Protein backbone atom coordinates (compact mmCIF):
# COMPACT_ATOMS: atom_id res chain seq x y z
CA MET A 1 240.03 134.86 121.27
CA VAL A 2 242.94 132.69 120.02
CA SER A 3 244.98 134.38 117.32
CA GLY A 4 244.21 132.98 113.87
CA ALA A 5 240.93 131.24 114.91
CA ALA A 6 237.89 131.86 112.78
CA PRO A 7 235.12 133.79 114.49
CA PRO A 8 232.15 131.67 115.58
CA ALA A 9 229.38 131.46 113.01
CA ILE A 10 226.22 133.29 113.88
CA SER A 11 223.13 131.51 112.63
CA ALA A 12 220.26 133.54 111.33
CA PRO A 13 217.04 133.27 113.33
CA ALA A 14 214.64 130.68 111.94
CA ARG A 15 211.93 132.20 109.84
CA PRO A 16 208.41 131.04 110.68
CA MET A 17 206.71 128.87 108.07
CA PRO A 18 203.79 130.42 106.22
CA ALA A 19 200.50 129.70 107.95
CA GLY A 20 199.25 127.55 105.08
CA MET A 21 202.30 125.25 105.31
CA GLN A 22 202.21 124.63 109.04
CA MET A 23 201.10 121.15 110.14
CA PRO A 24 198.34 121.24 112.73
CA ALA A 25 199.24 119.81 116.10
CA PRO A 26 197.75 116.31 116.52
CA ARG A 27 194.64 116.34 118.63
CA PRO A 28 194.48 113.79 121.43
CA GLN A 29 191.89 111.12 120.75
CA PRO A 30 189.36 110.53 123.53
CA PHE A 31 189.54 107.22 125.34
CA VAL A 32 186.72 104.92 124.25
CA PRO A 33 186.19 101.84 126.46
CA VAL A 34 185.70 98.73 124.33
CA LEU A 35 182.70 96.56 125.15
CA ARG A 36 183.30 93.02 126.39
CA GLU A 37 181.08 89.99 126.81
CA GLY A 38 178.42 90.73 129.42
CA ASP A 39 178.40 94.49 128.76
CA VAL A 40 175.25 96.32 127.71
CA VAL A 41 175.46 98.10 124.35
CA PRO A 42 174.99 101.89 124.67
CA ASP A 43 171.50 102.87 123.56
CA LEU A 44 172.46 105.62 121.11
CA PRO A 45 169.70 106.92 118.79
CA LEU A 46 170.14 105.59 115.24
CA VAL A 47 168.00 105.14 112.13
CA ASP A 48 167.41 102.16 109.87
CA GLU A 49 167.32 101.96 106.08
CA ARG A 50 163.69 103.13 106.12
CA GLY A 51 164.60 106.25 108.09
CA ARG A 52 162.85 104.91 111.18
CA PRO A 53 164.34 105.25 114.68
CA PHE A 54 166.47 102.27 115.66
CA SER A 55 167.72 101.27 119.08
CA PHE A 56 169.94 98.42 120.21
CA GLY A 57 168.15 98.67 123.56
CA SER A 58 164.68 98.08 122.07
CA THR A 59 165.06 94.36 121.49
CA ALA A 60 161.43 93.24 121.99
CA GLY A 61 162.93 90.20 123.69
CA ARG A 62 164.93 89.20 120.63
CA VAL A 63 168.57 88.16 120.23
CA THR A 64 170.52 90.44 117.88
CA ILE A 65 173.31 89.41 115.52
CA VAL A 66 175.43 92.44 114.58
CA SER A 67 177.77 92.89 111.60
CA PHE A 68 179.69 95.84 110.12
CA ILE A 69 179.99 96.95 106.49
CA TYR A 70 180.17 100.03 104.30
CA THR A 71 178.39 100.02 100.98
CA THR A 72 181.31 101.02 98.73
CA CYS A 73 183.61 98.27 100.06
CA GLY A 74 185.02 96.23 97.19
CA ASP A 75 187.10 93.70 99.13
CA PRO A 76 185.40 90.33 98.47
CA ALA A 77 186.82 88.93 101.71
CA MET A 78 185.24 91.65 103.86
CA CYS A 79 181.93 93.54 103.48
CA PRO A 80 180.51 91.66 100.46
CA LEU A 81 181.27 88.37 102.22
CA ILE A 82 179.58 89.55 105.43
CA ALA A 83 176.49 90.69 103.49
CA ALA A 84 176.33 87.31 101.74
CA LYS A 85 176.47 85.51 105.08
CA PHE A 86 173.61 87.63 106.43
CA THR A 87 171.65 86.83 103.25
CA TYR A 88 172.18 83.16 104.11
CA LEU A 89 171.16 83.64 107.75
CA GLN A 90 168.03 85.69 107.08
CA PRO A 91 165.63 82.83 106.17
CA ARG A 92 167.10 80.68 108.95
CA ILE A 93 166.11 82.93 111.84
CA ASP A 94 162.70 83.38 113.46
CA PRO A 95 162.02 87.14 113.56
CA ARG A 96 160.08 86.62 116.79
CA THR A 97 163.24 85.54 118.60
CA MET A 98 166.13 86.95 116.55
CA ARG A 99 167.06 89.87 114.32
CA LEU A 100 170.01 90.74 112.08
CA VAL A 101 171.52 94.22 112.29
CA THR A 102 174.23 95.63 110.02
CA LEU A 103 175.86 98.85 111.20
CA THR A 104 177.59 101.00 108.58
CA LEU A 105 181.20 102.08 109.02
CA ASP A 106 180.68 105.07 106.70
CA PRO A 107 177.72 107.08 108.00
CA ALA A 108 178.63 110.17 105.95
CA ASN A 109 177.96 108.24 102.73
CA ASP A 110 175.64 105.45 103.87
CA THR A 111 172.40 107.36 104.36
CA PRO A 112 169.11 105.47 104.78
CA PRO A 113 168.35 105.55 101.01
CA VAL A 114 171.83 104.23 100.22
CA LEU A 115 171.43 101.45 102.80
CA ALA A 116 167.96 100.67 101.46
CA ARG A 117 169.40 100.09 97.97
CA TYR A 118 172.23 98.00 99.39
CA GLY A 119 169.79 95.94 101.45
CA ALA A 120 167.49 95.42 98.46
CA ALA A 121 170.46 94.17 96.42
CA HIS A 122 171.04 91.51 99.09
CA GLY A 123 167.37 90.67 99.66
CA ALA A 124 167.16 92.22 103.14
CA ASP A 125 163.70 91.79 104.71
CA ALA A 126 163.00 94.60 107.19
CA PRO A 127 161.40 92.50 109.98
CA ARG A 128 164.44 90.21 109.98
CA TRP A 129 167.38 92.37 108.86
CA SER A 130 167.95 96.07 109.55
CA LEU A 131 170.74 98.20 108.06
CA VAL A 132 171.56 101.01 110.47
CA THR A 133 173.23 104.41 110.36
CA GLY A 134 173.21 107.68 112.29
CA THR A 135 175.23 110.83 112.76
CA PRO A 136 178.96 110.29 112.14
CA ALA A 137 179.75 111.08 115.79
CA ARG A 138 177.27 108.51 117.13
CA VAL A 139 178.20 105.81 114.66
CA ASP A 140 181.94 106.33 115.15
CA GLU A 141 181.52 106.11 118.91
CA LEU A 142 179.46 102.93 118.70
CA VAL A 143 181.82 101.30 116.20
CA ALA A 144 184.76 102.07 118.51
CA ARG A 145 182.85 100.70 121.51
CA PHE A 146 182.31 97.47 119.57
CA GLY A 147 186.10 97.27 119.14
CA ILE A 148 186.12 97.80 115.37
CA THR A 149 189.04 99.95 114.20
CA THR A 150 188.74 102.00 111.03
CA GLY A 151 190.97 104.23 108.93
CA ARG A 152 190.10 106.04 105.72
CA VAL A 153 192.60 105.13 102.99
CA ARG A 154 191.09 107.43 100.35
CA PRO A 155 187.62 108.74 99.54
CA GLY A 156 185.26 105.79 99.39
CA SER A 157 187.78 103.31 100.83
CA ILE A 158 188.01 102.39 104.53
CA ARG A 159 190.49 100.00 106.10
CA HIS A 160 188.81 98.23 109.04
CA THR A 161 188.78 95.20 111.28
CA GLU A 162 185.74 92.94 111.37
CA ALA A 163 183.68 91.00 113.89
CA ALA A 164 180.27 89.45 114.38
CA ILE A 165 178.61 90.13 117.72
CA VAL A 166 175.67 88.36 119.35
CA LEU A 167 173.55 90.33 121.83
CA ASP A 168 171.13 88.63 124.19
CA ALA A 169 167.48 89.62 124.59
CA ARG A 170 168.43 92.36 127.07
CA GLY A 171 171.00 93.99 124.78
CA ARG A 172 174.05 92.53 126.51
CA ILE A 173 176.97 91.09 124.55
CA ALA A 174 176.73 87.30 124.63
CA GLU A 175 179.39 86.43 122.05
CA ILE A 176 182.14 88.22 120.12
CA VAL A 177 183.50 86.52 117.01
CA ASP A 178 186.63 88.10 115.56
CA GLY A 179 187.32 88.44 111.88
CA ALA A 180 185.21 87.84 108.77
CA ALA A 181 185.85 84.12 108.31
CA TRP A 182 183.11 82.86 110.65
CA ASN A 183 180.73 80.19 109.47
CA PRO A 184 177.12 81.46 109.48
CA ASP A 185 175.76 78.16 110.81
CA ASP A 186 178.24 78.34 113.70
CA LEU A 187 177.16 81.90 114.45
CA LEU A 188 173.51 80.86 114.31
CA ALA A 189 174.25 78.18 116.92
CA ALA A 190 175.65 80.89 119.22
CA ALA A 191 172.54 83.03 118.66
CA ARG A 192 170.26 80.08 119.38
CA GLU A 193 172.10 79.45 122.62
CA ALA A 194 171.71 83.11 123.59
CA ALA A 195 167.98 82.77 122.86
CA SER A 196 167.79 79.65 125.10
CA LEU A 197 167.06 77.45 122.07
CA ASP A 198 168.66 74.15 121.16
CA ALA A 199 172.14 74.70 119.72
CA ASP A 200 174.59 72.31 118.07
CA PRO A 201 177.53 71.94 120.52
CA TRP A 202 179.96 71.05 117.74
CA ARG A 203 179.17 74.27 115.89
CA ARG A 204 179.57 76.20 119.13
CA LEU A 205 183.00 74.63 119.55
CA GLN A 206 184.00 75.43 115.95
CA LEU A 207 182.91 79.04 116.36
CA TRP A 208 184.84 79.41 119.61
CA LEU A 209 188.01 77.91 118.12
CA GLY A 210 187.78 80.05 115.00
CA SER A 211 187.29 83.20 117.04
CA ARG A 212 190.22 82.41 119.33
CA ALA A 213 192.48 81.70 116.35
CA SER A 214 191.46 84.98 114.72
CA ALA A 215 192.12 86.87 117.94
CA LEU A 216 195.57 85.33 118.33
CA CYS A 217 196.41 86.26 114.75
CA GLY A 218 195.50 89.90 115.28
CA GLY A 219 191.74 90.13 115.48
CA ARG A 220 189.57 92.57 117.44
CA GLY A 221 191.89 94.20 119.97
CA ALA A 222 194.24 91.25 119.93
CA THR A 223 198.00 90.84 120.08
CA PRO A 224 199.95 89.12 117.29
CA PHE A 225 200.20 85.31 117.20
CA THR A 226 203.03 83.84 119.27
CA VAL A 227 204.28 80.33 120.06
CA ALA A 228 202.88 80.67 123.56
CA GLY A 229 199.57 81.75 122.09
CA GLY A 230 199.57 78.74 119.79
CA LEU A 231 200.22 76.37 122.69
CA ALA A 232 197.48 78.05 124.69
CA LEU A 233 195.08 77.62 121.78
CA MET A 234 196.01 73.94 121.45
CA ALA A 235 195.44 73.35 125.17
CA ALA A 236 192.13 75.18 125.05
CA THR A 237 191.09 73.16 121.99
CA ILE A 238 191.75 69.86 123.74
CA ALA A 239 189.98 71.00 126.90
CA ALA A 240 186.96 72.24 124.95
CA ALA A 241 186.75 69.02 122.93
CA LEU A 242 186.84 66.92 126.08
CA LEU A 243 184.14 69.07 127.65
CA VAL A 244 181.88 68.60 124.60
CA LEU A 245 182.47 64.84 124.62
CA ARG A 246 181.56 64.67 128.27
CA ARG A 247 178.38 66.72 127.87
CA VAL A 248 177.13 65.13 124.66
CA PHE A 249 178.22 61.52 124.99
CA GLY A 250 178.91 61.16 128.68
CA PHE A 251 182.57 60.28 128.03
CA PRO A 252 184.81 60.60 131.07
CA VAL A 253 187.30 63.45 130.94
CA ARG A 254 189.89 61.44 132.86
CA PRO A 255 190.59 57.72 132.66
CA ARG A 256 188.99 55.79 135.52
């Protein structure tokens, strides 16, 4: 040791934190593959607002339009808006060929009686519109498979993404529409096409453009909007418009 140098400090051994103050180690979340267009929806056992068994696989040959809400949501631009759009759609669908299904994002609170009251407040008619729940594990898995992300902010408040999804008569995803800003008439056109019924091509185009814009701006599983994304959307818009003009009016896509 050098003369005059202070002896090295000896640190005391760290004392373990009391058990009640220790933070639990984060648990790895299981990988959940997100469904894409053409995929079949998993046939998990659920129940509707009447407490009756419900299955996405039991379609009876009908097209299904799916939305997502939770009954205590107070954001007028999210769940209440989606419920209002389904109220609008309900009298405009034929229950022999289509059905509306709303899946809760809060199965712990949204029991069948709670969903029944919510449906009654919005005029839901059981043959046309079902409100569906199940065990939290099943619902959470299905919501994740549909690509909807959720996070509980506080009791009774859930932050979530939104989408409307059209399933064909065999329970396969025919159309995914990101966000909550979709026009119900546009969505109905997509459902009519999935049911092999006449559909307005202009409404189909509007729905497609709106969904792509929502995805580019951060919709269901999307990346943030970029200049390249904007240019791609513009090019796709022009191409889609030309395709509609050619199919509907017989206009040439290229000058002769």
